[in-house]
Amino acid sequence: MPATQSPARPPHPLLTLSEGRAFFELGSFLALRRAMRHLPKGDGHSVIVLPGFLASDSSTRPLRGLLDDLGYSSFGWELGRNVRFDNAREQALYALLDRVHADSGRTVSLIGWSLGGLFAREMAKQSPSKVRQVISLGSPISGDRGHTNARHLFERLNGKDPEPLRQGRFRNLEEAPPVPTTSILSRSDGIVAWRGSVQKPGPKAETLEVFSSHCGLGVNPMVMYAIADRLAQQEDDWKPFARTGWRSLAFRTIE
């Protein structure tokens, strides 16, 4: 049975309890920070980074700092903590994309961590002409909240059907945007079950597996390498991640 057809279950409680390993991933990020300046460089285009559920721009600051060093112009979402999801929040996201796109005059890459990845994908579906590519980190893109153990808290804060869903939007989360899209997941994710992050393969869609905690995806050095590799591609010349050489040991592609 394909991974995406398996019954939706959240990660095992032991995986959730082990999320503290994210501190070691942060330590690895800090230890390798200077060396990561030698990752593939960017061409100066803008990148918006969206935080996960309950998180804010402070959680994405390390990643955005690295992106700036690699030659990109990075932006946080500037909307405080990611708690409420309503029409006002949705419109603010589109306004942010419109502003960054207009100011730069170029398409914008979107990176979303967990729930932020769902927002990034839907923004790209709404405004594909403004988006260069989308990268999601441990995002429950299957559309089944049963894959995440944050489901009950999300629904307590937002209801089972937030405003955008009641009005017919955010209904087909499993469909990839019409732009190059990379879903990065980990089988050891303690918040979002890896099966919920597998996207259907397509000419512009790929799923890349790394070894990471959920809370460490935004600082894990291997994730940083994958992000740098994906962003450094020339516009309109996107190719799937190449698992050659040592990369065949550190990464796995899921089809």
C-alpha atoms as a PDB file:
ATOM      1  CA  MET A   1       0.000   0.000   0.000  1.00  0.00           C
ATOM      2  CA  PRO A   2       1.449   3.447  -0.913  1.00  0.00           C
ATOM      3  CA  ALA A   3       2.511   5.582   2.037  1.00  0.00           C
ATOM      4  CA  THR A   4      -0.138   8.219   1.390  1.00  0.00           C
ATOM      5  CA  GLN A   5      -2.921   5.593   1.621  1.00  0.00           C
ATOM      6  CA  SER A   6      -1.924   4.293   5.049  1.00  0.00           C
ATOM      7  CA  PRO A   7      -4.281   5.057   7.952  1.00  0.00           C
ATOM      8  CA  ALA A   8      -3.532   8.468   9.410  1.00  0.00           C
ATOM      9  CA  ARG A   9      -1.812   8.149  12.778  1.00  0.00           C
ATOM     10  CA  PRO A  10       0.290  10.666  14.709  1.00  0.00           C
ATOM     11  CA  PRO A  11       3.916   9.854  15.561  1.00  0.00           C
ATOM     12  CA  HIS A  12       4.604   7.332  18.302  1.00  0.00           C
ATOM     13  CA  PRO A  13       4.729   8.977  21.770  1.00  0.00           C
ATOM     14  CA  LEU A  14       8.363   7.943  22.156  1.00  0.00           C
ATOM     15  CA  LEU A  15       9.247   9.976  19.077  1.00  0.00           C
ATOM     16  CA  THR A  16       7.395  12.938  20.522  1.00  0.00           C
ATOM     17  CA  LEU A  17       9.253  12.612  23.819  1.00  0.00           C
ATOM     18  CA  SER A  18      12.555  12.541  21.923  1.00  0.00           C
ATOM     19  CA  GLU A  19      11.982  15.955  20.304  1.00  0.00           C
ATOM     20  CA  GLY A  20      14.475  17.401  22.780  1.00  0.00           C
ATOM     21  CA  ARG A  21      17.183  16.231  20.378  1.00  0.00           C
ATOM     22  CA  ALA A  22      16.478  19.419  18.469  1.00  0.00           C
ATOM     23  CA  PHE A  23      18.875  21.130  20.898  1.00  0.00           C
ATOM     24  CA  PHE A  24      21.683  18.938  19.553  1.00  0.00           C
ATOM     25  CA  GLU A  25      20.693  19.841  16.006  1.00  0.00           C
ATOM     26  CA  LEU A  26      20.859  23.508  16.946  1.00  0.00           C
ATOM     27  CA  GLY A  27      24.298  22.860  18.430  1.00  0.00           C
ATOM     28  CA  SER A  28      25.396  21.257  15.176  1.00  0.00           C
ATOM     29  CA  PHE A  29      24.041  24.225  13.242  1.00  0.00           C
ATOM     30  CA  LEU A  30      26.008  26.675  15.396  1.00  0.00           C
ATOM     31  CA  ALA A  31      29.173  24.569  15.208  1.00  0.00           C
ATOM     32  CA  LEU A  32      28.977  24.391  11.414  1.00  0.00           C
ATOM     33  CA  ARG A  33      27.626  27.880  10.849  1.00  0.00           C
ATOM     34  CA  ARG A  34      30.857  29.290   9.430  1.00  0.00           C
ATOM     35  CA  ALA A  35      31.374  26.272   7.161  1.00  0.00           C
ATOM     36  CA  MET A  36      27.809  26.561   5.827  1.00  0.00           C
ATOM     37  CA  ARG A  37      28.739  29.848   4.190  1.00  0.00           C
ATOM     38  CA  HIS A  38      30.301  27.662   1.509  1.00  0.00           C
ATOM     39  CA  LEU A  39      26.981  26.059   0.574  1.00  0.00           C
ATOM     40  CA  PRO A  40      25.666  26.777  -2.950  1.00  0.00           C
ATOM     41  CA  LYS A  41      25.158  30.513  -3.341  1.00  0.00           C
ATOM     42  CA  GLY A  42      21.979  32.269  -4.380  1.00  0.00           C
ATOM     43  CA  ASP A  43      21.219  34.807  -7.086  1.00  0.00           C
ATOM     44  CA  GLY A  44      19.780  37.453  -4.797  1.00  0.00           C
ATOM     45  CA  HIS A  45      16.100  36.599  -5.169  1.00  0.00           C
ATOM     46  CA  SER A  46      13.771  36.988  -2.203  1.00  0.00           C
ATOM     47  CA  VAL A  47      12.807  34.145   0.138  1.00  0.00           C
ATOM     48  CA  ILE A  48       9.912  34.291   2.610  1.00  0.00           C
ATOM     49  CA  VAL A  49      10.178  31.880   5.562  1.00  0.00           C
ATOM     50  CA  LEU A  50       6.973  30.945   7.419  1.00  0.00           C
ATOM     51  CA  PRO A  51       7.081  29.515  10.973  1.00  0.00           C
ATOM     52  CA  GLY A  52       5.271  26.475  12.308  1.00  0.00           C
ATOM     53  CA  PHE A  53       2.238  26.255  14.567  1.00  0.00           C
ATOM     54  CA  LEU A  54       2.710  28.254  17.812  1.00  0.00           C
ATOM     55  CA  ALA A  55       6.074  29.560  16.583  1.00  0.00           C
ATOM     56  CA  SER A  56       7.142  33.042  15.464  1.00  0.00           C
ATOM     57  CA  ASP A  57       9.841  34.624  13.314  1.00  0.00           C
ATOM     58  CA  SER A  58      12.358  34.011  16.103  1.00  0.00           C
ATOM     59  CA  SER A  59      12.262  30.280  15.274  1.00  0.00           C
ATOM     60  CA  THR A  60      13.291  30.927  11.665  1.00  0.00           C
ATOM     61  CA  ARG A  61      15.956  33.530  12.421  1.00  0.00           C
ATOM     62  CA  PRO A  62      18.903  31.075  12.155  1.00  0.00           C
ATOM     63  CA  LEU A  63      17.718  29.866   8.742  1.00  0.00           C
ATOM     64  CA  ARG A  64      17.067  33.386   7.493  1.00  0.00           C
ATOM     65  CA  GLY A  65      20.502  34.506   8.641  1.00  0.00           C
ATOM     66  CA  LEU A  66      22.093  31.696   6.660  1.00  0.00           C
ATOM     67  CA  LEU A  67      20.027  32.549   3.590  1.00  0.00           C
ATOM     68  CA  ASP A  68      21.209  36.146   3.786  1.00  0.00           C
ATOM     69  CA  ASP A  69      24.823  34.947   3.952  1.00  0.00           C
ATOM     70  CA  LEU A  70      24.241  32.791   0.883  1.00  0.00           C
ATOM     71  CA  GLY A  71      23.142  35.791  -1.140  1.00  0.00           C
ATOM     72  CA  TYR A  72      19.366  35.777  -0.784  1.00  0.00           C
ATOM     73  CA  SER A  73      17.094  38.475   0.561  1.00  0.00           C
ATOM     74  CA  SER A  74      15.157  36.711   3.308  1.00  0.00           C
ATOM     75  CA  PHE A  75      11.948  37.779   5.024  1.00  0.00           C
ATOM     76  CA  GLY A  76      10.082  36.555   8.069  1.00  0.00           C
ATOM     77  CA  TRP A  77       6.335  36.553   7.953  1.00  0.00           C
ATOM     78  CA  GLU A  78       6.051  39.522  10.374  1.00  0.00           C
ATOM     79  CA  LEU A  79       2.724  38.283  11.776  1.00  0.00           C
ATOM     80  CA  GLY A  80       3.670  37.349  15.316  1.00  0.00           C
ATOM     81  CA  ARG A  81       3.025  33.884  16.670  1.00  0.00           C
ATOM     82  CA  ASN A  82       1.402  31.319  14.381  1.00  0.00           C
ATOM     83  CA  VAL A  83      -1.707  30.517  16.401  1.00  0.00           C
ATOM     84  CA  ARG A  84      -4.925  31.754  14.818  1.00  0.00           C
ATOM     85  CA  PHE A  85      -5.830  30.898  11.260  1.00  0.00           C
ATOM     86  CA  ASP A  86      -8.601  33.045   9.830  1.00  0.00           C
ATOM     87  CA  ASN A  87      -9.396  35.192   6.815  1.00  0.00           C
ATOM     88  CA  ALA A  88      -7.395  38.119   8.158  1.00  0.00           C
ATOM     89  CA  ARG A  89      -4.279  35.961   8.548  1.00  0.00           C
ATOM     90  CA  GLU A  90      -4.725  34.487   5.080  1.00  0.00           C
ATOM     91  CA  GLN A  91      -5.068  37.918   3.479  1.00  0.00           C
ATOM     92  CA  ALA A  92      -2.011  39.155   5.370  1.00  0.00           C
ATOM     93  CA  LEU A  93       0.017  36.322   3.857  1.00  0.00           C
ATOM     94  CA  TYR A  94      -1.048  37.203   0.333  1.00  0.00           C
ATOM     95  CA  ALA A  95      -0.313  40.872   1.015  1.00  0.00           C
ATOM     96  CA  LEU A  96       3.195  39.935   2.196  1.00  0.00           C
ATOM     97  CA  LEU A  97       3.847  37.971  -0.982  1.00  0.00           C
ATOM     98  CA  ASP A  98       2.490  40.801  -3.118  1.00  0.00           C
ATOM     99  CA  ARG A  99       4.728  43.344  -1.372  1.00  0.00           C
ATOM    100  CA  VAL A 100       7.935  41.297  -1.569  1.00  0.00           C
ATOM    101  CA  HIS A 101       7.258  40.412  -5.195  1.00  0.00           C
ATOM    102  CA  ALA A 102       6.528  44.031  -6.150  1.00  0.00           C
ATOM    103  CA  ASP A 103       9.548  45.415  -4.300  1.00  0.00           C
ATOM    104  CA  SER A 104      11.990  42.941  -5.866  1.00  0.00           C
ATOM    105  CA  GLY A 105      10.382  42.674  -9.282  1.00  0.00           C
ATOM    106  CA  ARG A 106      11.184  38.960  -9.250  1.00  0.00           C
ATOM    107  CA  THR A 107       9.480  35.723  -8.282  1.00  0.00           C
ATOM    108  CA  VAL A 108       9.770  34.762  -4.620  1.00  0.00           C
ATOM    109  CA  SER A 109      10.727  31.425  -3.059  1.00  0.00           C
ATOM    110  CA  LEU A 110       8.644  30.253  -0.097  1.00  0.00           C
ATOM    111  CA  ILE A 111       9.876  28.070   2.758  1.00  0.00           C
ATOM    112  CA  GLY A 112       7.345  26.868   5.319  1.00  0.00           C
ATOM    113  CA  TRP A 113       8.031  24.912   8.485  1.00  0.00           C
ATOM    114  CA  SER A 114       5.224  22.547   9.550  1.00  0.00           C
ATOM    115  CA  LEU A 115       1.940  24.508   9.385  1.00  0.00           C
ATOM    116  CA  GLY A 116       3.858  27.267   7.613  1.00  0.00           C
ATOM    117  CA  GLY A 117       4.449  24.829   4.777  1.00  0.00           C
ATOM    118  CA  LEU A 118       0.711  24.473   4.214  1.00  0.00           C
ATOM    119  CA  PHE A 119       0.424  28.248   3.990  1.00  0.00           C
ATOM    120  CA  ALA A 120       3.351  28.403   1.540  1.00  0.00           C
ATOM    121  CA  ARG A 121       1.804  25.793  -0.745  1.00  0.00           C
ATOM    122  CA  GLU A 122      -1.587  27.503  -0.788  1.00  0.00           C
ATOM    123  CA  MET A 123       0.023  30.901  -1.448  1.00  0.00           C
ATOM    124  CA  ALA A 124       1.759  29.375  -4.471  1.00  0.00           C
ATOM    125  CA  LYS A 125      -1.523  27.918  -5.719  1.00  0.00           C
ATOM    126  CA  GLN A 126      -3.195  31.299  -5.405  1.00  0.00           C
ATOM    127  CA  SER A 127      -0.357  33.327  -6.984  1.00  0.00           C
ATOM    128  CA  PRO A 128       1.842  30.954  -9.035  1.00  0.00           C
ATOM    129  CA  SER A 129       3.169  33.769 -11.230  1.00  0.00           C
ATOM    130  CA  LYS A 130       4.763  35.348  -8.147  1.00  0.00           C
ATOM    131  CA  VAL A 131       6.336  32.208  -6.680  1.00  0.00           C
ATOM    132  CA  ARG A 132       9.599  30.658  -7.838  1.00  0.00           C
ATOM    133  CA  GLN A 133       9.449  27.489  -5.739  1.00  0.00           C
ATOM    134  CA  VAL A 134       8.106  26.087  -2.470  1.00  0.00           C
ATOM    135  CA  ILE A 135       9.991  24.104   0.179  1.00  0.00           C
ATOM    136  CA  SER A 136       8.063  22.648   3.120  1.00  0.00           C
ATOM    137  CA  LEU A 137       9.654  21.212   6.275  1.00  0.00           C
ATOM    138  CA  GLY A 138       7.711  18.484   8.083  1.00  0.00           C
ATOM    139  CA  SER A 139       4.388  19.854   6.860  1.00  0.00           C
ATOM    140  CA  PRO A 140       1.150  17.790   7.160  1.00  0.00           C
ATOM    141  CA  ILE A 141       0.322  18.193   3.477  1.00  0.00           C
ATOM    142  CA  SER A 142      -1.888  15.108   3.253  1.00  0.00           C
ATOM    143  CA  GLY A 143      -4.847  17.154   4.462  1.00  0.00           C
ATOM    144  CA  ASP A 144      -5.583  14.606   7.204  1.00  0.00           C
ATOM    145  CA  ARG A 145      -4.952  16.118  10.647  1.00  0.00           C
ATOM    146  CA  GLY A 146      -4.748  12.614  12.036  1.00  0.00           C
ATOM    147  CA  HIS A 147      -1.089  12.627  10.979  1.00  0.00           C
ATOM    148  CA  THR A 148      -0.157  15.229  13.608  1.00  0.00           C
ATOM    149  CA  ASN A 149      -0.390  15.146  17.373  1.00  0.00           C
ATOM    150  CA  ALA A 150      -0.952  18.918  17.335  1.00  0.00           C
ATOM    151  CA  ARG A 151      -4.419  18.341  15.872  1.00  0.00           C
ATOM    152  CA  HIS A 152      -6.427  18.739  19.079  1.00  0.00           C
ATOM    153  CA  LEU A 153      -4.655  21.929  20.142  1.00  0.00           C
ATOM    154  CA  PHE A 154      -5.030  23.427  16.669  1.00  0.00           C
ATOM    155  CA  GLU A 155      -8.747  22.643  16.628  1.00  0.00           C
ATOM    156  CA  ARG A 156      -9.221  23.958  20.151  1.00  0.00           C
ATOM    157  CA  LEU A 157      -7.716  27.285  19.103  1.00  0.00           C
ATOM    158  CA  ASN A 158      -9.173  27.494  15.600  1.00  0.00           C
ATOM    159  CA  GLY A 159     -12.158  25.148  15.512  1.00  0.00           C
ATOM    160  CA  LYS A 160     -12.415  22.135  13.235  1.00  0.00           C
ATOM    161  CA  ASP A 161     -13.201  24.338  10.252  1.00  0.00           C
ATOM    162  CA  PRO A 162     -11.416  27.714  10.325  1.00  0.00           C
ATOM    163  CA  GLU A 163     -12.868  30.530   8.227  1.00  0.00           C
ATOM    164  CA  PRO A 164     -10.902  29.802   5.017  1.00  0.00           C
ATOM    165  CA  LEU A 165     -12.053  26.170   5.057  1.00  0.00           C
ATOM    166  CA  ARG A 166     -15.686  27.103   5.654  1.00  0.00           C
ATOM    167  CA  GLN A 167     -15.455  29.304   2.565  1.00  0.00           C
ATOM    168  CA  GLY A 168     -14.070  26.526   0.388  1.00  0.00           C
ATOM    169  CA  ARG A 169     -10.341  27.287   0.511  1.00  0.00           C
ATOM    170  CA  PHE A 170      -7.489  25.128   1.837  1.00  0.00           C
ATOM    171  CA  ARG A 171      -9.517  22.058   0.870  1.00  0.00           C
ATOM    172  CA  ASN A 172      -7.078  20.216  -1.417  1.00  0.00           C
ATOM    173  CA  LEU A 173      -3.893  20.378   0.604  1.00  0.00           C
ATOM    174  CA  GLU A 174      -2.514  17.174  -0.914  1.00  0.00           C
ATOM    175  CA  GLU A 175      -2.326  18.779  -4.353  1.00  0.00           C
ATOM    176  CA  ALA A 176       1.057  20.331  -5.053  1.00  0.00           C
ATOM    177  CA  PRO A 177       1.270  23.904  -6.386  1.00  0.00           C
ATOM    178  CA  PRO A 178       1.984  24.406 -10.104  1.00  0.00           C
ATOM    179  CA  VAL A 179       5.546  25.503  -9.265  1.00  0.00           C
ATOM    180  CA  PRO A 180       8.595  23.434  -8.251  1.00  0.00           C
ATOM    181  CA  THR A 181       7.797  22.000  -4.823  1.00  0.00           C
ATOM    182  CA  THR A 182       9.982  20.072  -2.376  1.00  0.00           C
ATOM    183  CA  SER A 183       8.593  18.418   0.741  1.00  0.00           C
ATOM    184  CA  ILE A 184      11.336  17.622   3.269  1.00  0.00           C
ATOM    185  CA  LEU A 185      10.368  15.074   5.923  1.00  0.00           C
ATOM    186  CA  SER A 186      11.850  12.826   8.595  1.00  0.00           C
ATOM    187  CA  ARG A 187      10.675   9.394   9.671  1.00  0.00           C
ATOM    188  CA  SER A 188      11.791  10.296  13.191  1.00  0.00           C
ATOM    189  CA  ASP A 189       9.562  13.397  13.278  1.00  0.00           C
ATOM    190  CA  GLY A 190       7.798  13.450  16.651  1.00  0.00           C
ATOM    191  CA  ILE A 191       5.094  15.984  15.751  1.00  0.00           C
ATOM    192  CA  VAL A 192       3.978  15.208  12.192  1.00  0.00           C
ATOM    193  CA  ALA A 193       4.025  11.593  11.013  1.00  0.00           C
ATOM    194  CA  TRP A 194       6.249  11.288   7.951  1.00  0.00           C
ATOM    195  CA  ARG A 195       3.457   9.753   5.880  1.00  0.00           C
ATOM    196  CA  GLY A 196       1.536  12.998   6.191  1.00  0.00           C
ATOM    197  CA  SER A 197       4.368  14.874   4.481  1.00  0.00           C
ATOM    198  CA  VAL A 198       4.688  12.666   1.389  1.00  0.00           C
ATOM    199  CA  GLN A 199       3.476  14.413  -1.738  1.00  0.00           C
ATOM    200  CA  LYS A 200       2.422  12.846  -4.984  1.00  0.00           C
ATOM    201  CA  PRO A 201       5.397  12.718  -7.379  1.00  0.00           C
ATOM    202  CA  GLY A 202       5.222  14.902 -10.421  1.00  0.00           C
ATOM    203  CA  PRO A 203       7.428  16.724 -12.927  1.00  0.00           C
ATOM    204  CA  LYS A 204       7.827  19.596 -10.464  1.00  0.00           C
ATOM    205  CA  ALA A 205       7.156  17.840  -7.143  1.00  0.00           C
ATOM    206  CA  GLU A 206       9.495  15.791  -4.969  1.00  0.00           C
ATOM    207  CA  THR A 207       9.696  14.383  -1.450  1.00  0.00           C
ATOM    208  CA  LEU A 208      13.094  14.354   0.248  1.00  0.00           C
ATOM    209  CA  GLU A 209      13.811  12.416   3.443  1.00  0.00           C
ATOM    210  CA  VAL A 210      16.387  13.456   6.043  1.00  0.00           C
ATOM    211  CA  PHE A 211      17.127  12.329   9.595  1.00  0.00           C
ATOM    212  CA  SER A 212      15.864  15.025  11.948  1.00  0.00           C
ATOM    213  CA  SER A 213      13.478  15.861  14.727  1.00  0.00           C
ATOM    214  CA  HIS A 214      10.479  18.028  13.874  1.00  0.00           C
ATOM    215  CA  CYS A 215      11.659  20.923  16.026  1.00  0.00           C
ATOM    216  CA  GLY A 216      15.136  20.672  14.515  1.00  0.00           C
ATOM    217  CA  LEU A 217      14.151  20.810  10.855  1.00  0.00           C
ATOM    218  CA  GLY A 218      14.781  24.544  10.710  1.00  0.00           C
ATOM    219  CA  VAL A 219      18.395  24.206  11.896  1.00  0.00           C
ATOM    220  CA  ASN A 220      19.442  20.686  10.927  1.00  0.00           C
ATOM    221  CA  PRO A 221      22.658  20.975   8.852  1.00  0.00           C
ATOM    222  CA  MET A 222      21.496  18.380   6.293  1.00  0.00           C
ATOM    223  CA  VAL A 223      18.234  20.263   5.841  1.00  0.00           C
ATOM    224  CA  MET A 224      20.245  23.458   5.356  1.00  0.00           C
ATOM    225  CA  TYR A 225      22.234  21.722   2.621  1.00  0.00           C
ATOM    226  CA  ALA A 226      19.064  20.545   0.896  1.00  0.00           C
ATOM    227  CA  ILE A 227      17.493  24.005   1.076  1.00  0.00           C
ATOM    228  CA  ALA A 228      20.628  25.652  -0.319  1.00  0.00           C
ATOM    229  CA  ASP A 229      20.787  23.101  -3.133  1.00  0.00           C
ATOM    230  CA  ARG A 230      17.143  23.628  -4.092  1.00  0.00           C
ATOM    231  CA  LEU A 231      17.224  27.428  -3.951  1.00  0.00           C
ATOM    232  CA  ALA A 232      20.450  27.743  -5.941  1.00  0.00           C
ATOM    233  CA  GLN A 233      18.929  26.360  -9.120  1.00  0.00           C
ATOM    234  CA  GLN A 234      18.408  28.762 -11.977  1.00  0.00           C
ATOM    235  CA  GLU A 235      14.900  30.007 -12.442  1.00  0.00           C
ATOM    236  CA  ASP A 236      12.920  27.945 -14.963  1.00  0.00           C
ATOM    237  CA  ASP A 237      15.591  25.211 -14.837  1.00  0.00           C
ATOM    238  CA  TRP A 238      14.440  23.209 -11.807  1.00  0.00           C
ATOM    239  CA  LYS A 239      15.582  19.594 -11.525  1.00  0.00           C
ATOM    240  CA  PRO A 240      14.881  16.958  -8.852  1.00  0.00           C
ATOM    241  CA  PHE A 241      17.402  16.546  -6.043  1.00  0.00           C
ATOM    242  CA  ALA A 242      20.330  14.405  -7.216  1.00  0.00           C
ATOM    243  CA  ARG A 243      21.313  11.689  -4.734  1.00  0.00           C
ATOM    244  CA  THR A 244      24.842  11.231  -6.049  1.00  0.00           C
ATOM    245  CA  GLY A 245      28.007  10.476  -4.139  1.00  0.00           C
ATOM    246  CA  TRP A 246      27.819  11.045  -0.405  1.00  0.00           C
ATOM    247  CA  ARG A 247      24.301  12.483  -0.773  1.00  0.00           C
ATOM    248  CA  SER A 248      22.961   8.986  -1.378  1.00  0.00           C
ATOM    249  CA  LEU A 249      23.901   8.214   2.237  1.00  0.00           C
ATOM    250  CA  ALA A 250      22.473  11.361   3.834  1.00  0.00           C
ATOM    251  CA  PHE A 251      19.243  11.733   1.837  1.00  0.00           C
ATOM    252  CA  ARG A 252      16.487   9.554   0.493  1.00  0.00           C
ATOM    253  CA  THR A 253      13.863  10.401  -2.088  1.00  0.00           C
ATOM    254  CA  ILE A 254      10.343   9.016  -1.696  1.00  0.00           C
ATOM    255  CA  GLU A 255       8.200   8.320  -4.726  1.00  0.00           C
END
